[in-house]
């Protein structure tokens, strides 16, 4: 299993790349809606299906990232006995 430190930058890059692909695909769909040929419509339908799957995958990635961050925060709070909100905030902004 990857450590959080080694997997997080990779996950962030993947999430960023996926967002960019989704934005480009959405723009492409929007700008090609006037093409009425069967080939174009079939290609647009396939792209729309892939775009739906990509949006679902992005949501899953983001949910996993949020869950991982929440778990790491909880573990750090327990490890350092940060029981007050102030202690938790101060720890979050410390540089190591």
PDB file of N, CA and C in Angstrom:
ATOM      1  N   UNK A   1       0.842  -1.191   0.000  1.00  0.00           N
ATOM      2  CA  UNK A   1       0.000   0.000   0.000  1.00  0.00           C
ATOM      3  C   UNK A   1       0.876   1.239   0.000  1.00  0.00           C
ATOM      4  N   UNK A   2       0.518   2.230  -0.805  1.00  0.00           N
ATOM      5  CA  UNK A   2       1.273   3.473  -0.842  1.00  0.00           C
ATOM      6  C   UNK A   2       1.068   4.232   0.454  1.00  0.00           C
ATOM      7  N   UNK A   3       2.074   4.988   0.844  1.00  0.00           N
ATOM      8  CA  UNK A   3       1.905   5.865   1.979  1.00  0.00           C
ATOM      9  C   UNK A   3       1.111   7.076   1.523  1.00  0.00           C
ATOM     10  N   UNK A   4       0.430   7.743   2.458  1.00  0.00           N
ATOM     11  CA  UNK A   4      -0.336   8.922   2.052  1.00  0.00           C
ATOM     12  C   UNK A   4       0.524   9.962   1.367  1.00  0.00           C
ATOM     13  N   UNK A   5       1.790  10.114   1.835  1.00  0.00           N
ATOM     14  CA  UNK A   5       2.652  11.126   1.248  1.00  0.00           C
ATOM     15  C   UNK A   5       2.986  10.804  -0.210  1.00  0.00           C
ATOM     16  N   UNK A   6       3.168   9.510  -0.536  1.00  0.00           N
ATOM     17  CA  UNK A   6       3.562   9.163  -1.895  1.00  0.00           C
ATOM     18  C   UNK A   6       2.370   9.065  -2.841  1.00  0.00           C
ATOM     19  N   UNK A   7       1.198   8.742  -2.331  1.00  0.00           N
ATOM     20  CA  UNK A   7       0.051   8.582  -3.215  1.00  0.00           C
ATOM     21  C   UNK A   7      -0.688   9.894  -3.448  1.00  0.00           C
ATOM     22  N   UNK A   8      -0.639  10.810  -2.523  1.00  0.00           N
ATOM     23  CA  UNK A   8      -1.411  12.034  -2.633  1.00  0.00           C
ATOM     24  C   UNK A   8      -1.043  12.885  -3.848  1.00  0.00           C
ATOM     25  N   UNK A   9       0.240  13.156  -4.121  1.00  0.00           N
ATOM     26  CA  UNK A   9       0.547  13.959  -5.321  1.00  0.00           C
ATOM     27  C   UNK A   9       0.090  13.269  -6.607  1.00  0.00           C
ATOM     28  N   UNK A  10       0.248  11.963  -6.673  1.00  0.00           N
ATOM     29  CA  UNK A  10      -0.194  11.220  -7.849  1.00  0.00           C
ATOM     30  C   UNK A  10      -1.705  11.298  -7.988  1.00  0.00           C
ATOM     31  N   UNK A  11      -2.407  11.110  -6.893  1.00  0.00           N
ATOM     32  CA  UNK A  11      -3.863  11.208  -6.931  1.00  0.00           C
ATOM     33  C   UNK A  11      -4.303  12.607  -7.329  1.00  0.00           C
ATOM     34  N   UNK A  12      -3.631  13.612  -6.810  1.00  0.00           N
ATOM     35  CA  UNK A  12      -3.984  14.990  -7.158  1.00  0.00           C
ATOM     36  C   UNK A  12      -3.781  15.250  -8.644  1.00  0.00           C
ATOM     37  N   UNK A  13      -2.677  14.725  -9.200  1.00  0.00           N
ATOM     38  CA  UNK A  13      -2.435  14.887 -10.648  1.00  0.00           C
ATOM     39  C   UNK A  13      -3.515  14.178 -11.449  1.00  0.00           C
ATOM     40  N   UNK A  14      -3.865  12.962 -11.042  1.00  0.00           N
ATOM     41  CA  UNK A  14      -4.901  12.213 -11.750  1.00  0.00           C
ATOM     42  C   UNK A  14      -6.240  12.932 -11.697  1.00  0.00           C
ATOM     43  N   UNK A  15      -6.581  13.433 -10.532  1.00  0.00           N
ATOM     44  CA  UNK A  15      -7.843  14.161 -10.384  1.00  0.00           C
ATOM     45  C   UNK A  15      -7.830  15.420 -11.260  1.00  0.00           C
ATOM     46  N   UNK A  16      -6.724  16.142 -11.258  1.00  0.00           N
ATOM     47  CA  UNK A  16      -6.610  17.334 -12.095  1.00  0.00           C
ATOM     48  C   UNK A  16      -6.707  16.998 -13.572  1.00  0.00           C
ATOM     49  N   UNK A  17      -6.023  15.930 -13.981  1.00  0.00           N
ATOM     50  CA  UNK A  17      -6.080  15.501 -15.383  1.00  0.00           C
ATOM     51  C   UNK A  17      -7.493  15.094 -15.769  1.00  0.00           C
ATOM     52  N   UNK A  18      -8.160  14.362 -14.886  1.00  0.00           N
ATOM     53  CA  UNK A  18      -9.518  13.923 -15.173  1.00  0.00           C
ATOM     54  C   UNK A  18     -10.463  15.121 -15.283  1.00  0.00           C
ATOM     55  N   UNK A  19     -10.300  16.095 -14.405  1.00  0.00           N
ATOM     56  CA  UNK A  19     -11.130  17.314 -14.493  1.00  0.00           C
ATOM     57  C   UNK A  19     -10.932  18.008 -15.834  1.00  0.00           C
ATOM     58  N   UNK A  20      -9.678  18.098 -16.279  1.00  0.00           N
ATOM     59  CA  UNK A  20      -9.379  18.752 -17.555  1.00  0.00           C
ATOM     60  C   UNK A  20     -10.008  17.998 -18.726  1.00  0.00           C
ATOM     61  N   UNK A  21      -9.907  16.685 -18.720  1.00  0.00           N
ATOM     62  CA  UNK A  21     -10.521  15.872 -19.780  1.00  0.00           C
ATOM     63  C   UNK A  21     -12.035  16.068 -19.777  1.00  0.00           C
ATOM     64  N   UNK A  22     -12.632  16.072 -18.617  1.00  0.00           N
ATOM     65  CA  UNK A  22     -14.084  16.267 -18.515  1.00  0.00           C
ATOM     66  C   UNK A  22     -14.478  17.639 -19.064  1.00  0.00           C
ATOM     67  N   UNK A  23     -13.745  18.673 -18.663  1.00  0.00           N
ATOM     68  CA  UNK A  23     -14.050  20.024 -19.162  1.00  0.00           C
ATOM     69  C   UNK A  23     -13.942  20.089 -20.682  1.00  0.00           C
ATOM     70  N   UNK A  24     -12.886  19.490 -21.233  1.00  0.00           N
ATOM     71  CA  UNK A  24     -12.706  19.502 -22.685  1.00  0.00           C
ATOM     72  C   UNK A  24     -13.806  18.714 -23.392  1.00  0.00           C
ATOM     73  N   UNK A  25     -14.183  17.583 -22.843  1.00  0.00           N
ATOM     74  CA  UNK A  25     -15.238  16.771 -23.447  1.00  0.00           C
ATOM     75  C   UNK A  25     -16.582  17.493 -23.393  1.00  0.00           C
ATOM     76  N   UNK A  26     -16.858  18.149 -22.269  1.00  0.00           N
ATOM     77  CA  UNK A  26     -18.106  18.910 -22.167  1.00  0.00           C
ATOM     78  C   UNK A  26     -18.140  20.035 -23.197  1.00  0.00           C
ATOM     79  N   UNK A  27     -17.022  20.708 -23.373  1.00  0.00           N
ATOM     80  CA  UNK A  27     -16.936  21.788 -24.365  1.00  0.00           C
ATOM     81  C   UNK A  27     -17.129  21.234 -25.778  1.00  0.00           C
ATOM     82  N   UNK A  28     -16.518  20.099 -26.060  1.00  0.00           N
ATOM     83  CA  UNK A  28     -16.660  19.463 -27.366  1.00  0.00           C
ATOM     84  C   UNK A  28     -18.116  19.090 -27.640  1.00  0.00           C
ATOM     85  N   UNK A  29     -18.772  18.502 -26.647  1.00  0.00           N
ATOM     86  CA  UNK A  29     -20.192  18.163 -26.822  1.00  0.00           C
ATOM     87  C   UNK A  29     -21.028  19.412 -27.076  1.00  0.00           C
ATOM     88  N   UNK A  30     -20.753  20.457 -26.324  1.00  0.00           N
ATOM     89  CA  UNK A  30     -21.521  21.694 -26.480  1.00  0.00           C
ATOM     90  C   UNK A  30     -21.313  22.308 -27.866  1.00  0.00           C
ATOM     91  N   UNK A  31     -20.090  22.244 -28.361  1.00  0.00           N
ATOM     92  CA  UNK A  31     -19.775  22.891 -29.635  1.00  0.00           C
ATOM     93  C   UNK A  31     -20.072  22.038 -30.865  1.00  0.00           C
ATOM     94  N   UNK A  32     -20.486  20.804 -30.687  1.00  0.00           N
ATOM     95  CA  UNK A  32     -20.793  19.940 -31.832  1.00  0.00           C
ATOM     96  C   UNK A  32     -22.263  19.528 -31.881  1.00  0.00           C
ATOM     97  N   UNK A  33     -23.107  20.183 -31.098  1.00  0.00           N
ATOM     98  CA  UNK A  33     -24.512  19.780 -31.072  1.00  0.00           C
ATOM     99  C   UNK A  33     -25.247  20.090 -32.372  1.00  0.00           C
ATOM    100  N   UNK A  34     -24.688  20.922 -33.221  1.00  0.00           N
ATOM    101  CA  UNK A  34     -25.342  21.270 -34.483  1.00  0.00           C
ATOM    102  C   UNK A  34     -25.068  20.240 -35.590  1.00  0.00           C
ATOM    103  N   UNK A  35     -24.128  19.322 -35.378  1.00  0.00           N
ATOM    104  CA  UNK A  35     -23.877  18.270 -36.364  1.00  0.00           C
ATOM    105  C   UNK A  35     -24.959  17.204 -36.239  1.00  0.00           C
ATOM    106  N   UNK A  36     -25.666  16.947 -37.341  1.00  0.00           N
ATOM    107  CA  UNK A  36     -26.812  16.044 -37.281  1.00  0.00           C
ATOM    108  C   UNK A  36     -26.574  14.706 -37.946  1.00  0.00           C
ATOM    109  N   UNK A  37     -25.442  14.511 -38.566  1.00  0.00           N
ATOM    110  CA  UNK A  37     -25.169  13.238 -39.231  1.00  0.00           C
ATOM    111  C   UNK A  37     -25.120  12.085 -38.236  1.00  0.00           C
ATOM    112  N   UNK A  38     -25.445  10.903 -38.720  1.00  0.00           N
ATOM    113  CA  UNK A  38     -25.498   9.713 -37.879  1.00  0.00           C
ATOM    114  C   UNK A  38     -24.131   9.429 -37.236  1.00  0.00           C
ATOM    115  N   UNK A  39     -23.077   9.558 -38.007  1.00  0.00           N
ATOM    116  CA  UNK A  39     -21.732   9.299 -37.482  1.00  0.00           C
ATOM    117  C   UNK A  39     -21.424  10.264 -36.338  1.00  0.00           C
ATOM    118  N   UNK A  40     -21.727  11.547 -36.520  1.00  0.00           N
ATOM    119  CA  UNK A  40     -21.473  12.538 -35.470  1.00  0.00           C
ATOM    120  C   UNK A  40     -22.322  12.254 -34.234  1.00  0.00           C
ATOM    121  N   UNK A  41     -23.591  11.945 -34.454  1.00  0.00           N
ATOM    122  CA  UNK A  41     -24.481  11.698 -33.324  1.00  0.00           C
ATOM    123  C   UNK A  41     -24.056  10.449 -32.548  1.00  0.00           C
ATOM    124  N   UNK A  42     -23.608   9.409 -33.270  1.00  0.00           N
ATOM    125  CA  UNK A  42     -23.115   8.203 -32.583  1.00  0.00           C
ATOM    126  C   UNK A  42     -21.858   8.517 -31.774  1.00  0.00           C
ATOM    127  N   UNK A  43     -20.960   9.297 -32.363  1.00  0.00           N
ATOM    128  CA  UNK A  43     -19.734   9.672 -31.660  1.00  0.00           C
ATOM    129  C   UNK A  43     -20.060  10.530 -30.434  1.00  0.00           C
ATOM    130  N   UNK A  44     -20.996  11.445 -30.592  1.00  0.00           N
ATOM    131  CA  UNK A  44     -21.395  12.292 -29.462  1.00  0.00           C
ATOM    132  C   UNK A  44     -22.040  11.458 -28.362  1.00  0.00           C
ATOM    133  N   UNK A  45     -22.840  10.471 -28.727  1.00  0.00           N
ATOM    134  CA  UNK A  45     -23.481   9.607 -27.730  1.00  0.00           C
ATOM    135  C   UNK A  45     -22.431   8.813 -26.953  1.00  0.00           C
ATOM    136  N   UNK A  46     -21.427   8.297 -27.676  1.00  0.00           N
ATOM    137  CA  UNK A  46     -20.346   7.561 -27.007  1.00  0.00           C
ATOM    138  C   UNK A  46     -19.563   8.483 -26.074  1.00  0.00           C
ATOM    139  N   UNK A  47     -19.301   9.688 -26.531  1.00  0.00           N
ATOM    140  CA  UNK A  47     -18.579  10.644 -25.696  1.00  0.00           C
ATOM    141  C   UNK A  47     -19.402  11.016 -24.464  1.00  0.00           C
ATOM    142  N   UNK A  48     -20.693  11.197 -24.633  1.00  0.00           N
ATOM    143  CA  UNK A  48     -21.558  11.523 -23.498  1.00  0.00           C
ATOM    144  C   UNK A  48     -21.555  10.391 -22.475  1.00  0.00           C
ATOM    145  N   UNK A  49     -21.579   9.142 -22.943  1.00  0.00           N
ATOM    146  CA  UNK A  49     -21.529   7.993 -22.046  1.00  0.00           C
ATOM    147  C   UNK A  49     -20.201   7.947 -21.300  1.00  0.00           C
ATOM    148  N   UNK A  50     -19.099   8.163 -22.023  1.00  0.00           N
ATOM    149  CA  UNK A  50     -17.776   8.182 -21.398  1.00  0.00           C
ATOM    150  C   UNK A  50     -17.660   9.335 -20.414  1.00  0.00           C
ATOM    151  N   UNK A  51     -18.260  10.465 -20.739  1.00  0.00           N
ATOM    152  CA  UNK A  51     -18.227  11.625 -19.863  1.00  0.00           C
ATOM    153  C   UNK A  51     -18.980  11.346 -18.556  1.00  0.00           C
ATOM    154  N   UNK A  52     -20.101  10.675 -18.655  1.00  0.00           N
ATOM    155  CA  UNK A  52     -20.843  10.287 -17.453  1.00  0.00           C
ATOM    156  C   UNK A  52     -19.991   9.390 -16.567  1.00  0.00           C
ATOM    157  N   UNK A  53     -19.330   8.410 -17.163  1.00  0.00           N
ATOM    158  CA  UNK A  53     -18.463   7.508 -16.402  1.00  0.00           C
ATOM    159  C   UNK A  53     -17.297   8.275 -15.783  1.00  0.00           C
ATOM    160  N   UNK A  54     -16.723   9.210 -16.514  1.00  0.00           N
ATOM    161  CA  UNK A  54     -15.600   9.995 -15.997  1.00  0.00           C
ATOM    162  C   UNK A  54     -16.032  10.861 -14.815  1.00  0.00           C
ATOM    163  N   UNK A  55     -17.214  11.451 -14.911  1.00  0.00           N
ATOM    164  CA  UNK A  55     -17.729  12.250 -13.795  1.00  0.00           C
ATOM    165  C   UNK A  55     -17.961  11.390 -12.560  1.00  0.00           C
ATOM    166  N   UNK A  56     -18.464  10.192 -12.758  1.00  0.00           N
ATOM    167  CA  UNK A  56     -18.665   9.278 -11.636  1.00  0.00           C
ATOM    168  C   UNK A  56     -17.331   8.874 -11.013  1.00  0.00           C
ATOM    169  N   UNK A  57     -16.338   8.610 -11.855  1.00  0.00           N
ATOM    170  CA  UNK A  57     -15.009   8.236 -11.360  1.00  0.00           C
ATOM    171  C   UNK A  57     -14.366   9.405 -10.619  1.00  0.00           C
ATOM    172  N   UNK A  58     -14.517  10.600 -11.125  1.00  0.00           N
ATOM    173  CA  UNK A  58     -13.988  11.779 -10.453  1.00  0.00           C
ATOM    174  C   UNK A  58     -14.632  11.937  -9.073  1.00  0.00           C
ATOM    175  N   UNK A  59     -15.921  11.769  -8.998  1.00  0.00           N
ATOM    176  CA  UNK A  59     -16.609  11.863  -7.711  1.00  0.00           C
ATOM    177  C   UNK A  59     -16.083  10.803  -6.741  1.00  0.00           C
ATOM    178  N   UNK A  60     -15.835   9.597  -7.243  1.00  0.00           N
ATOM    179  CA  UNK A  60     -15.301   8.522  -6.403  1.00  0.00           C
ATOM    180  C   UNK A  60     -13.897   8.884  -5.913  1.00  0.00           C
ATOM    181  N   UNK A  61     -13.037   9.370  -6.812  1.00  0.00           N
ATOM    182  CA  UNK A  61     -11.684   9.788  -6.422  1.00  0.00           C
ATOM    183  C   UNK A  61     -11.734  10.862  -5.341  1.00  0.00           C
ATOM    184  N   UNK A  62     -12.575  11.866  -5.565  1.00  0.00           N
ATOM    185  CA  UNK A  62     -12.659  12.968  -4.609  1.00  0.00           C
ATOM    186  C   UNK A  62     -13.185  12.491  -3.260  1.00  0.00           C
ATOM    187  N   UNK A  63     -14.145  11.589  -3.271  1.00  0.00           N
ATOM    188  CA  UNK A  63     -14.677  11.037  -2.022  1.00  0.00           C
ATOM    189  C   UNK A  63     -13.605  10.240  -1.283  1.00  0.00           C
ATOM    190  N   UNK A  64     -12.824   9.443  -2.016  1.00  0.00           N
ATOM    191  CA  UNK A  64     -11.737   8.685  -1.394  1.00  0.00           C
ATOM    192  C   UNK A  64     -10.687   9.621  -0.809  1.00  0.00           C
ATOM    193  N   UNK A  65     -10.350  10.672  -1.534  1.00  0.00           N
ATOM    194  CA  UNK A  65      -9.357  11.637  -1.059  1.00  0.00           C
ATOM    195  C   UNK A  65      -9.858  12.323   0.213  1.00  0.00           C
ATOM    196  N   UNK A  66     -11.104  12.727   0.223  1.00  0.00           N
ATOM    197  CA  UNK A  66     -11.680  13.379   1.398  1.00  0.00           C
ATOM    198  C   UNK A  66     -11.700  12.422   2.586  1.00  0.00           C
ATOM    199  N   UNK A  67     -12.096  11.181   2.350  1.00  0.00           N
ATOM    200  CA  UNK A  67     -12.118  10.190   3.434  1.00  0.00           C
ATOM    201  C   UNK A  67     -10.721   9.949   3.987  1.00  0.00           C
ATOM    202  N   UNK A  68      -9.728   9.864   3.092  1.00  0.00           N
ATOM    203  CA  UNK A  68      -8.354   9.651   3.522  1.00  0.00           C
ATOM    204  C   UNK A  68      -7.864  10.835   4.352  1.00  0.00           C
ATOM    205  N   UNK A  69      -8.156  12.040   3.906  1.00  0.00           N
ATOM    206  CA  UNK A  69      -7.736  13.232   4.641  1.00  0.00           C
ATOM    207  C   UNK A  69      -8.400  13.297   6.010  1.00  0.00           C
ATOM    208  N   UNK A  70      -9.672  12.953   6.080  1.00  0.00           N
ATOM    209  CA  UNK A  70     -10.377  12.971   7.358  1.00  0.00           C
ATOM    210  C   UNK A  70      -9.787  11.931   8.310  1.00  0.00           C
ATOM    211  N   UNK A  71      -9.465  10.748   7.804  1.00  0.00           N
ATOM    212  CA  UNK A  71      -8.875   9.710   8.630  1.00  0.00           C
ATOM    213  C   UNK A  71      -7.491  10.120   9.125  1.00  0.00           C
ATOM    214  N   UNK A  72      -6.682  10.713   8.249  1.00  0.00           N
ATOM    215  CA  UNK A  72      -5.355  11.183   8.656  1.00  0.00           C
ATOM    216  C   UNK A  72      -5.457  12.271   9.716  1.00  0.00           C
ATOM    217  N   UNK A  73      -6.418  13.156   9.565  1.00  0.00           N
ATOM    218  CA  UNK A  73      -6.623  14.214  10.559  1.00  0.00           C
ATOM    219  C   UNK A  73      -7.035  13.620  11.898  1.00  0.00           C
ATOM    220  N   UNK A  74      -7.958  12.672  11.868  1.00  0.00           N
ATOM    221  CA  UNK A  74      -8.400  12.021  13.103  1.00  0.00           C
ATOM    222  C   UNK A  74      -7.242  11.316  13.784  1.00  0.00           C
ATOM    223  N   UNK A  75      -6.425  10.587  13.000  1.00  0.00           N
ATOM    224  CA  UNK A  75      -5.281   9.867  13.561  1.00  0.00           C
ATOM    225  C   UNK A  75      -4.261  10.842  14.149  1.00  0.00           C
ATOM    226  N   UNK A  76      -3.999  11.957  13.470  1.00  0.00           N
ATOM    227  CA  UNK A  76      -3.058  12.955  13.989  1.00  0.00           C
ATOM    228  C   UNK A  76      -3.589  13.581  15.268  1.00  0.00           C
ATOM    229  N   UNK A  77      -4.882  13.841  15.319  1.00  0.00           N
ATOM    230  CA  UNK A  77      -5.470  14.411  16.535  1.00  0.00           C
ATOM    231  C   UNK A  77      -5.311  13.462  17.714  1.00  0.00           C
ATOM    232  N   UNK A  78      -5.529  12.182  17.471  1.00  0.00           N
ATOM    233  CA  UNK A  78      -5.362  11.192  18.537  1.00  0.00           C
ATOM    234  C   UNK A  78      -3.895  11.062  18.935  1.00  0.00           C
ATOM    235  N   UNK A  79      -3.005  10.996  17.957  1.00  0.00           N
ATOM    236  CA  UNK A  79      -1.581  10.830  18.227  1.00  0.00           C
ATOM    237  C   UNK A  79      -1.033  11.977  19.070  1.00  0.00           C
ATOM    238  N   UNK A  80      -1.422  13.178  18.736  1.00  0.00           N
ATOM    239  CA  UNK A  80      -0.893  14.370  19.405  1.00  0.00           C
ATOM    240  C   UNK A  80      -1.822  14.878  20.496  1.00  0.00           C
ATOM    241  N   UNK A  81      -2.872  14.133  20.760  1.00  0.00           N
ATOM    242  CA  UNK A  81      -3.854  14.468  21.799  1.00  0.00           C
ATOM    243  C   UNK A  81      -4.400  15.884  21.631  1.00  0.00           C
ATOM    244  N   UNK A  82      -4.699  16.226  20.382  1.00  0.00           N
ATOM    245  CA  UNK A  82      -5.306  17.521  20.072  1.00  0.00           C
ATOM    246  C   UNK A  82      -6.808  17.395  20.307  1.00  0.00           C
ATOM    247  N   UNK A  83      -7.229  17.678  21.508  1.00  0.00           N
ATOM    248  CA  UNK A  83      -8.629  17.457  21.864  1.00  0.00           C
ATOM    249  C   UNK A  83      -9.514  18.693  21.675  1.00  0.00           C
ATOM    250  N   UNK A  84      -8.911  19.855  21.591  1.00  0.00           N
ATOM    251  CA  UNK A  84      -9.721  21.059  21.411  1.00  0.00           C
ATOM    252  C   UNK A  84      -9.675  21.492  19.947  1.00  0.00           C
ATOM    253  N   UNK A  85     -10.649  22.236  19.557  1.00  0.00           N
ATOM    254  CA  UNK A  85     -10.670  22.765  18.199  1.00  0.00           C
ATOM    255  C   UNK A  85      -9.473  23.640  17.919  1.00  0.00           C
ATOM    256  N   UNK A  86      -9.072  24.435  18.915  1.00  0.00           N
ATOM    257  CA  UNK A  86      -7.914  25.313  18.750  1.00  0.00           C
ATOM    258  C   UNK A  86      -6.641  24.501  18.514  1.00  0.00           C
ATOM    259  N   UNK A  87      -6.442  23.440  19.284  1.00  0.00           N
ATOM    260  CA  UNK A  87      -5.248  22.597  19.123  1.00  0.00           C
ATOM    261  C   UNK A  87      -5.233  21.949  17.741  1.00  0.00           C
ATOM    262  N   UNK A  88      -6.382  21.532  17.263  1.00  0.00           N
ATOM    263  CA  UNK A  88      -6.467  20.897  15.938  1.00  0.00           C
ATOM    264  C   UNK A  88      -6.125  21.888  14.831  1.00  0.00           C
ATOM    265  N   UNK A  89      -6.637  23.095  14.952  1.00  0.00           N
ATOM    266  CA  UNK A  89      -6.356  24.120  13.936  1.00  0.00           C
ATOM    267  C   UNK A  89      -4.878  24.485  13.950  1.00  0.00           C
ATOM    268  N   UNK A  90      -4.314  24.677  15.129  1.00  0.00           N
ATOM    269  CA  UNK A  90      -2.896  25.019  15.218  1.00  0.00           C
ATOM    270  C   UNK A  90      -2.025  23.923  14.618  1.00  0.00           C
ATOM    271  N   UNK A  91      -2.345  22.654  14.859  1.00  0.00           N
ATOM    272  CA  UNK A  91      -1.573  21.545  14.306  1.00  0.00           C
ATOM    273  C   UNK A  91      -1.702  21.531  12.773  1.00  0.00           C
ATOM    274  N   UNK A  92      -2.879  21.839  12.266  1.00  0.00           N
ATOM    275  CA  UNK A  92      -3.102  21.814  10.817  1.00  0.00           C
ATOM    276  C   UNK A  92      -2.208  22.819  10.099  1.00  0.00           C
ATOM    277  N   UNK A  93      -1.851  23.911  10.772  1.00  0.00           N
ATOM    278  CA  UNK A  93      -1.058  24.947  10.133  1.00  0.00           C
ATOM    279  C   UNK A  93       0.423  24.904  10.493  1.00  0.00           C
ATOM    280  N   UNK A  94       0.827  23.901  11.251  1.00  0.00           N
ATOM    281  CA  UNK A  94       2.252  23.746  11.562  1.00  0.00           C
ATOM    282  C   UNK A  94       2.977  23.186  10.349  1.00  0.00           C
ATOM    283  N   UNK A  95       4.195  23.630  10.139  1.00  0.00           N
ATOM    284  CA  UNK A  95       5.040  23.094   9.058  1.00  0.00           C
ATOM    285  C   UNK A  95       6.038  22.146   9.670  1.00  0.00           C
ATOM    286  N   UNK A  96       6.166  20.996   9.049  1.00  0.00           N
ATOM    287  CA  UNK A  96       7.120  19.995   9.555  1.00  0.00           C
ATOM    288  C   UNK A  96       8.299  19.897   8.661  1.00  0.00           C
TER     289      UNK A  96
END
